[in-house]
């Protein structure tokens, strides 16, 4: 996976959550959202975590 692609997905996830009221959980939600999207795009199964 290209590093720039991963950084772009993380940035998009952050932007989507940045307007939320509860900012404490944003890093966790960004990580989860990015992981789900990358798994979907690259066909990685949950067993490969």
Protein backbone atom coordinates (compact mmCIF):
# COMPACT_ATOMS: atom_id res chain seq x y z
CA UNK A 1 0.00 0.00 0.00
CA UNK A 2 1.44 3.37 -0.96
CA UNK A 3 2.06 5.62 2.03
CA UNK A 4 0.46 8.62 0.29
CA UNK A 5 -2.74 6.65 -0.31
CA UNK A 6 -2.95 5.70 3.36
CA UNK A 7 -2.28 9.32 4.39
CA UNK A 8 -5.05 10.49 2.06
CA UNK A 9 -7.57 8.06 3.53
CA UNK A 10 -6.61 9.03 7.09
CA UNK A 11 -7.00 12.71 6.16
CA UNK A 12 -10.44 12.10 4.66
CA UNK A 13 -11.57 10.19 7.74
CA UNK A 14 -10.30 12.98 10.01
CA UNK A 15 -12.06 15.66 7.94
CA UNK A 16 -15.32 13.71 8.08
CA UNK A 17 -15.20 13.57 11.89
CA UNK A 18 -13.60 16.94 12.65
CA UNK A 19 -16.91 18.80 12.94
CA UNK A 20 -18.20 16.44 15.64
CA UNK A 21 -18.97 17.59 19.17
CA UNK A 22 -16.95 14.95 20.97
CA UNK A 23 -13.37 15.30 19.80
CA UNK A 24 -11.76 12.98 22.36
CA UNK A 25 -12.44 9.88 20.28
CA UNK A 26 -11.52 11.29 16.86
CA UNK A 27 -8.08 9.57 16.62
CA UNK A 28 -9.61 6.20 17.47
CA UNK A 29 -12.47 6.66 15.03
CA UNK A 30 -10.11 7.86 12.28
CA UNK A 31 -7.89 4.81 12.77
CA UNK A 32 -10.88 2.46 12.67
CA UNK A 33 -12.41 4.11 9.61
CA UNK A 34 -9.12 4.12 7.72
CA UNK A 35 -8.48 0.47 8.59
CA UNK A 36 -11.93 -0.55 7.34
CA UNK A 37 -11.50 1.36 4.08
CA UNK A 38 -8.00 -0.03 3.44
CA UNK A 39 -9.16 -3.57 4.11
CA UNK A 40 -12.03 -3.04 1.69
CA UNK A 41 -9.83 -1.55 -1.04
CA UNK A 42 -7.03 -4.08 -0.81
CA UNK A 43 -9.08 -7.16 0.06
CA UNK A 44 -7.36 -7.77 3.37
CA UNK A 45 -9.25 -10.12 5.68
CA UNK A 46 -9.62 -9.55 9.42
CA UNK A 47 -7.36 -12.56 10.08
CA UNK A 48 -4.39 -10.61 8.70
CA UNK A 49 -4.47 -7.89 11.43
